Every structure is written in structure tokens, then in C-alpha cells.
């Protein structure tokens, strides 16, 4: 999915393209005011912010890129899909756009990228918000086995093609979304069918997962100086809610806010609740006061 001619709702009125860091970026940009950077998670795209972006743009200059190898952004090659590689590429995009984020909201793997950007000194936001953030290596996962397997799948050309063909079949994407713990609707289903039906997008997501080094990020996490809010959905089946306890052991100053009854795609599932909580975090209010 590299041409917006048939990209449907992935290409919106807020869309623009930019050349930075040797790759072509798709960025959704809207509004004015302090810069708010929105970073989506693995296998998703900037479309995941569709419910929040128009409202946030009333107060902020919202920048929501498709990450490298995802959505309508081009693939920078393997090294550009590592966590440090993505951090460097995103820093170049921000310089090209002439913006310095005052706030960053990262969903899932997007939260890890936001932390890496801060640790690398590429950005210095006032606050970082992790929505179901994937900041630590999962407990119980044998990384010495997972990493070589993931890399093998990522570099095998047939795997993304087979996966994307399967995603076009009945109920495949439905099962994937149900596995997040979030309630799905027809619009969400259509978006992810489009994305996961594209082998280039699937290849980018697989290589991103294969080359990320979360143990290294966890080692450096205590050095994070930016105030961090952890928004944790208690029905998340991808990132266990208890991960917030592990993160706070490394960053005692981090604040945790529980989103009851929601899953991993909380911001797509219940945008109204997530919007209220995000706005409270961004304005330094107490997020619990905004819960329904």
C-alpha cells in the first residue's frame, strides 16, 4: 500500500507526504498550537487516531505519521526498522517538518519509540503518554528463541504474502482484533482488513517486531527524565495491565491511569473516554476525574 490512489480512508483531508531520512513519509497534520505527536503501534497506521485527531487539533498542532514500513510510508530497509533506526528516521522527519513536540502520545510500540526519542535527546516534550505501552520485554518469552524465528519470518518473502492473502479471507482479521481484547466495529474491521491485506505493510510490521530490542530499552528506561503517564486498559490481551507495575519499579515517578473495560485498541474502541483522559493528562489535571 504505497500509492494513495486506492488507499481509501487511510488517505484523509489531513494527509501530506514528505521526503526525509531517505524515505517517503505519509503524515496526517492538522490544527495549530503546541505540537502533539501521535505514534501508532506495530501493524497499525495513523488511521488509528482518526477519532481523536480532529478534536485534538482544536488545541494542538497534531502530527500523526505512518511509521516506516507501515501504512502509506515507505520501507527504509531492515536497519531503519530497528528501534534506534526508527528513532533516527523520525527525528529527521520532525526536523524536516520544522516541529518540536511539546507532548507525545504513543500507543503500544509507539510508546517505546517515544521513549527512545526522548532518551536519544531528539525531543524534549513536557509530557509523554503511553497508551497500553509496550515498553518492556514480555515476561516468560524466551527471547533467544523468539528473535531468530521472528527474523526468519521477516526475511522470508513468501510469509508476508501468505499472511496478507489470509487476511483477506473471512474472519481472519476478526479473530486478530478479538485477540486484542477490544470491541470491534465495521469501520475498525475495514481499516485493518485494508492494512493487513497489503503484503508490504505486513512485511514492515514483521521486520519491525523482529529487529526491536526491548531489553535494551528497559535497561535505559530509568534514565527517562520526561514525566510519563501510563494509560492502562484492564482488558488488554496484548500488553498485560500488570506491566505498569514493572514499569513503575523502574520509574517510580510514572503515573498510572486504568481504563476500565477496554482492550488494547482502547482509543479506537472508546475514543470519548480516551479523549477525556488524554486531555486531562495534557493539561496536567487529574485523569481519574475525567473517567465516566
Protein backbone atom coordinates (compact mmCIF):
# COMPACT_ATOMS: atom_id res chain seq x y z
CA UNK A 1 0.00 0.00 0.00
CA UNK A 2 2.33 2.68 -1.22
CA UNK A 3 0.03 4.62 -3.59
CA UNK A 4 -2.77 6.67 -2.09
CA UNK A 5 -4.91 6.31 -5.21
CA UNK A 6 -6.59 3.18 -3.79
CA UNK A 7 -5.90 3.71 -0.10
CA UNK A 8 -9.45 4.67 0.81
CA UNK A 9 -9.79 6.13 4.31
CA UNK A 10 -6.05 5.81 5.01
CA UNK A 11 -5.56 8.97 2.94
CA UNK A 12 -7.55 11.82 4.52
CA UNK A 13 -8.03 15.56 4.27
CA UNK A 14 -5.18 15.88 6.81
CA UNK A 15 -2.74 13.80 4.73
CA UNK A 16 0.52 15.05 3.28
CA UNK A 17 3.72 13.38 2.08
CA UNK A 18 7.28 14.30 2.99
CA UNK A 19 10.75 13.14 1.97
CA UNK A 20 13.03 12.85 4.99
CA UNK A 21 15.75 10.47 6.08
CA UNK A 22 15.87 8.85 2.66
CA UNK A 23 12.25 7.69 2.75
CA UNK A 24 8.79 8.90 1.82
CA UNK A 25 6.51 9.57 4.78
CA UNK A 26 2.75 9.76 4.98
CA UNK A 27 1.82 12.24 7.71
CA UNK A 28 -1.52 13.47 8.94
CA UNK A 29 -1.19 17.06 10.17
CA UNK A 30 -3.90 19.35 11.49
CA UNK A 31 -4.58 22.25 13.84
CA UNK A 32 -2.43 24.90 15.48
CA UNK A 33 -0.87 25.47 18.87
CA UNK A 34 1.63 23.35 20.82
CA UNK A 35 2.84 20.35 18.82
CA UNK A 36 1.34 16.99 19.77
CA UNK A 37 2.98 13.95 18.20
CA UNK A 38 0.86 10.79 17.90
CA UNK A 39 2.69 7.50 17.32
CA UNK A 40 0.75 4.37 16.40
CA UNK A 41 1.71 0.79 17.24
CA UNK A 42 3.03 -2.18 15.27
CA UNK A 43 0.93 -3.29 12.27
CA UNK A 44 -1.28 -0.20 12.57
CA UNK A 45 -1.06 3.24 10.93
CA UNK A 46 -2.01 6.86 11.56
CA UNK A 47 -5.63 5.92 10.85
CA UNK A 48 -5.83 4.58 14.42
CA UNK A 49 -6.03 8.20 15.67
CA UNK A 50 -8.97 9.04 13.38
CA UNK A 51 -11.46 9.61 16.22
CA UNK A 52 -9.11 11.74 18.34
CA UNK A 53 -7.19 13.80 15.81
CA UNK A 54 -9.92 16.30 14.75
CA UNK A 55 -10.79 17.21 18.35
CA UNK A 56 -7.16 17.43 19.50
CA UNK A 57 -6.43 19.68 16.51
CA UNK A 58 -8.65 22.37 18.06
CA UNK A 59 -5.94 22.98 20.66
CA UNK A 60 -2.77 21.47 19.23
CA UNK A 61 -0.75 21.12 16.05
CA UNK A 62 -1.26 17.38 15.69
CA UNK A 63 1.37 15.35 13.80
CA UNK A 64 0.48 11.70 13.18
CA UNK A 65 2.89 9.85 10.84
CA UNK A 66 2.66 6.36 9.44
CA UNK A 67 5.77 4.77 10.89
CA UNK A 68 8.43 3.44 8.49
CA UNK A 69 7.22 0.40 6.57
CA UNK A 70 3.64 0.96 7.74
CA UNK A 71 0.54 2.33 6.03
CA UNK A 72 1.48 4.71 3.23
CA UNK A 73 5.05 5.38 4.41
CA UNK A 74 7.87 3.68 2.52
CA UNK A 75 10.10 0.92 3.81
CA UNK A 76 13.58 2.15 4.83
CA UNK A 77 15.15 -1.31 4.94
CA UNK A 78 15.90 -3.54 7.89
CA UNK A 79 18.14 -1.22 9.94
CA UNK A 80 15.59 1.56 9.66
CA UNK A 81 13.00 -0.68 11.31
CA UNK A 82 15.01 -1.24 14.50
CA UNK A 83 14.08 0.89 17.48
CA UNK A 84 17.17 3.15 17.25
CA UNK A 85 16.78 3.26 13.47
CA UNK A 86 13.16 4.40 13.67
CA UNK A 87 14.12 6.98 16.29
CA UNK A 88 16.74 8.47 13.96
CA UNK A 89 14.36 8.50 10.99
CA UNK A 90 11.54 10.08 12.98
CA UNK A 91 13.92 12.75 14.32
CA UNK A 92 14.80 13.63 10.73
CA UNK A 93 11.13 13.85 9.80
CA UNK A 94 10.45 16.22 12.70
CA UNK A 95 13.37 18.42 11.66
CA UNK A 96 12.10 18.41 8.07
CA UNK A 97 8.63 19.46 9.25
CA UNK A 98 10.17 22.12 11.47
CA UNK A 99 8.38 20.99 14.62
CA UNK A 100 9.43 20.18 18.18
CA UNK A 101 6.79 18.17 20.07
CA UNK A 102 5.53 19.64 23.30
CA UNK A 103 3.70 16.37 24.00
CA UNK A 104 3.89 12.82 22.68
CA UNK A 105 1.23 10.12 22.86
CA UNK A 106 2.39 6.65 21.86
CA UNK A 107 0.20 3.58 21.54
CA UNK A 108 1.75 0.16 22.19
CA UNK A 109 5.09 0.04 20.31
CA UNK A 110 4.65 3.74 19.52
CA UNK A 111 5.21 4.41 23.23
CA UNK A 112 8.56 2.60 23.09
CA UNK A 113 9.54 4.74 20.10
CA UNK A 114 8.54 7.87 22.00
CA UNK A 115 10.72 6.86 24.95
CA UNK A 116 13.65 6.10 22.62
CA UNK A 117 13.29 9.54 21.01
CA UNK A 118 13.49 11.17 24.44
CA UNK A 119 16.45 9.05 25.59
CA UNK A 120 18.28 9.85 22.35
CA UNK A 121 17.84 13.56 23.01
CA UNK A 122 15.97 14.03 19.74
CA UNK A 123 12.96 15.55 21.52
CA UNK A 124 12.26 17.12 24.91
CA UNK A 125 8.49 17.11 25.41
CA UNK A 126 6.76 18.39 28.51
CA UNK A 127 4.98 15.06 28.94
CA UNK A 128 4.93 11.59 27.44
CA UNK A 129 1.75 9.50 27.48
CA UNK A 130 1.94 5.74 26.89
CA UNK A 131 -1.37 4.17 25.90
CA UNK A 132 -1.06 0.43 26.56
CA UNK A 133 2.64 0.97 26.03
CA UNK A 134 4.94 -1.90 25.01
CA UNK A 135 7.96 -0.67 26.97
CA UNK A 136 9.35 -3.91 28.42
CA UNK A 137 10.15 -7.38 27.06
CA UNK A 138 7.24 -9.72 27.85
CA UNK A 139 7.67 -11.95 30.89
CA UNK A 140 8.11 -15.62 30.12
CA UNK A 141 9.09 -15.11 26.47
CA UNK A 142 12.30 -16.96 25.50
CA UNK A 143 13.89 -14.11 23.55
CA UNK A 144 16.82 -16.28 22.46
CA UNK A 145 14.27 -18.39 20.57
CA UNK A 146 11.79 -15.70 19.52
CA UNK A 147 14.23 -13.28 17.91
CA UNK A 148 15.80 -15.68 15.37
CA UNK A 149 12.35 -17.05 14.48
CA UNK A 150 10.90 -13.56 14.02
CA UNK A 151 13.85 -12.55 11.86
CA UNK A 152 13.47 -15.69 9.75
CA UNK A 153 9.78 -14.95 9.16
CA UNK A 154 10.55 -11.31 8.41
CA UNK A 155 13.13 -12.04 5.72
CA UNK A 156 11.16 -14.83 4.05
CA UNK A 157 9.37 -13.08 1.14
CA UNK A 158 6.53 -15.56 0.99
CA UNK A 159 5.45 -15.07 4.62
CA UNK A 160 4.02 -11.52 4.27
CA UNK A 161 2.28 -12.51 1.04
CA UNK A 162 0.66 -15.55 2.64
CA UNK A 163 -0.34 -13.53 5.69
CA UNK A 164 -1.92 -10.77 3.59
CA UNK A 165 -3.80 -13.31 1.48
CA UNK A 166 -5.13 -14.92 4.64
CA UNK A 167 -6.16 -11.52 6.00
CA UNK A 168 -8.43 -11.04 3.01
CA UNK A 169 -10.34 -14.19 3.86
CA UNK A 170 -13.42 -14.41 6.10
CA UNK A 171 -12.96 -13.98 9.86
CA UNK A 172 -9.14 -13.85 9.90
CA UNK A 173 -8.91 -10.16 10.84
CA UNK A 174 -11.94 -10.53 13.10
CA UNK A 175 -10.06 -13.12 15.15
CA UNK A 176 -6.96 -10.92 15.30
CA UNK A 177 -8.94 -7.94 16.57
CA UNK A 178 -10.82 -10.06 19.08
CA UNK A 179 -7.42 -11.15 20.40
CA UNK A 180 -6.69 -7.55 21.43
CA UNK A 181 -9.50 -7.54 23.98
CA UNK A 182 -11.15 -4.57 22.25
CA UNK A 183 -14.68 -4.50 20.87
CA UNK A 184 -14.58 -4.07 17.11
CA UNK A 185 -16.95 -2.28 14.78
CA UNK A 186 -17.32 -2.44 10.98
CA UNK A 187 -15.16 0.66 10.39
CA UNK A 188 -12.29 -0.67 12.51
CA UNK A 189 -12.58 -4.00 10.73
CA UNK A 190 -12.41 -2.34 7.32
CA UNK A 191 -9.29 -0.37 8.23
CA UNK A 192 -7.37 -3.40 9.45
CA UNK A 193 -8.51 -5.55 6.55
CA UNK A 194 -7.06 -2.93 4.18
CA UNK A 195 -3.80 -2.73 6.10
CA UNK A 196 -3.23 -6.41 6.73
CA UNK A 197 -4.28 -7.28 3.21
CA UNK A 198 -1.16 -5.47 1.93
CA UNK A 199 1.96 -7.63 1.92
CA UNK A 200 4.30 -4.60 2.04
CA UNK A 201 2.65 -3.39 5.25
CA UNK A 202 2.79 -6.88 6.77
CA UNK A 203 6.47 -7.19 5.83
CA UNK A 204 7.26 -3.87 7.52
CA UNK A 205 5.41 -4.88 10.69
CA UNK A 206 7.16 -8.27 10.84
CA UNK A 207 10.60 -6.76 10.40
CA UNK A 208 9.84 -4.09 12.99
CA UNK A 209 8.97 -6.79 15.54
CA UNK A 210 12.00 -8.85 14.56
CA UNK A 211 14.56 -6.06 14.97
CA UNK A 212 13.31 -4.25 18.07
CA UNK A 213 15.38 -4.67 21.23
CA UNK A 214 13.11 -4.06 24.21
CA UNK A 215 15.61 -5.42 26.79
CA UNK A 216 18.00 -2.62 25.78
CA UNK A 217 15.20 -0.05 26.13
CA UNK A 218 14.29 -1.43 29.57
CA UNK A 219 17.93 -1.08 30.64
CA UNK A 220 17.89 2.63 29.79
CA UNK A 221 14.32 3.35 30.92
CA UNK A 222 15.32 4.61 34.42
CA UNK A 223 17.22 7.44 32.67
CA UNK A 224 13.98 8.90 31.26
CA UNK A 225 13.56 12.45 32.57
CA UNK A 226 10.27 13.30 30.87
CA UNK A 227 7.11 12.94 33.03
CA UNK A 228 5.35 9.73 31.99
CA UNK A 229 1.67 8.81 32.22
CA UNK A 230 0.74 5.14 31.75
CA UNK A 231 -2.79 4.66 30.42
CA UNK A 232 -3.60 1.01 31.01
CA UNK A 233 -6.71 -0.77 29.69
CA UNK A 234 -7.67 -3.51 32.13
CA UNK A 235 -9.00 -5.72 29.32
CA UNK A 236 -5.83 -5.55 27.20
CA UNK A 237 -4.91 -9.03 25.94
CA UNK A 238 -1.71 -7.87 24.20
CA UNK A 239 0.05 -5.89 26.96
CA UNK A 240 -0.96 -7.25 30.38
CA UNK A 241 -2.14 -4.42 32.68
CA UNK A 242 0.33 -5.65 35.31
CA UNK A 243 3.16 -4.39 33.07
CA UNK A 244 2.53 -0.94 34.57
CA UNK A 245 3.76 -2.26 37.93
CA UNK A 246 7.02 -3.41 36.32
CA UNK A 247 7.46 -0.02 34.64
CA UNK A 248 6.86 1.86 37.88
CA UNK A 249 9.52 -0.25 39.57
CA UNK A 250 11.95 1.33 37.09
CA UNK A 251 10.24 4.74 37.01
CA UNK A 252 8.57 5.34 40.39
CA UNK A 253 7.50 8.82 39.30
CA UNK A 254 5.35 7.46 36.46
CA UNK A 255 1.60 7.89 36.94
CA UNK A 256 -0.80 5.03 36.10
CA UNK A 257 -4.39 5.55 34.95
CA UNK A 258 -6.61 2.48 34.48
CA UNK A 259 -9.12 2.46 31.61
CA UNK A 260 -11.80 0.03 32.80
CA UNK A 261 -13.49 -2.34 30.41
CA UNK A 262 -11.29 -1.53 27.41
CA UNK A 263 -8.76 -3.52 25.38
CA UNK A 264 -5.52 -2.91 23.56
CA UNK A 265 -7.15 -0.67 20.91
CA UNK A 266 -8.83 1.46 23.57
CA UNK A 267 -8.55 4.71 21.58
CA UNK A 268 -10.40 3.16 18.65
CA UNK A 269 -12.86 1.24 20.81
CA UNK A 270 -13.93 4.09 23.13
CA UNK A 271 -12.46 7.35 21.78
CA UNK A 272 -14.65 9.55 24.00
CA UNK A 273 -13.20 8.12 27.24
CA UNK A 274 -9.65 8.10 25.90
CA UNK A 275 -10.01 11.68 24.68
CA UNK A 276 -11.14 12.90 28.10
CA UNK A 277 -8.26 11.15 29.84
CA UNK A 278 -5.69 12.34 27.29
CA UNK A 279 -6.87 15.93 27.56
CA UNK A 280 -6.57 15.73 31.35
CA UNK A 281 -3.01 14.40 31.08
CA UNK A 282 -2.06 17.06 28.55
CA UNK A 283 -3.38 19.85 30.78
CA UNK A 284 -1.85 18.40 33.98
CA UNK A 285 -5.24 17.65 35.51
CA UNK A 286 -6.09 14.50 37.46
CA UNK A 287 -7.14 11.94 34.80
CA UNK A 288 -9.37 9.95 37.16
CA UNK A 289 -11.69 12.93 37.40
CA UNK A 290 -12.44 12.52 33.69
CA UNK A 291 -13.48 8.87 33.89
CA UNK A 292 -17.16 8.11 33.24
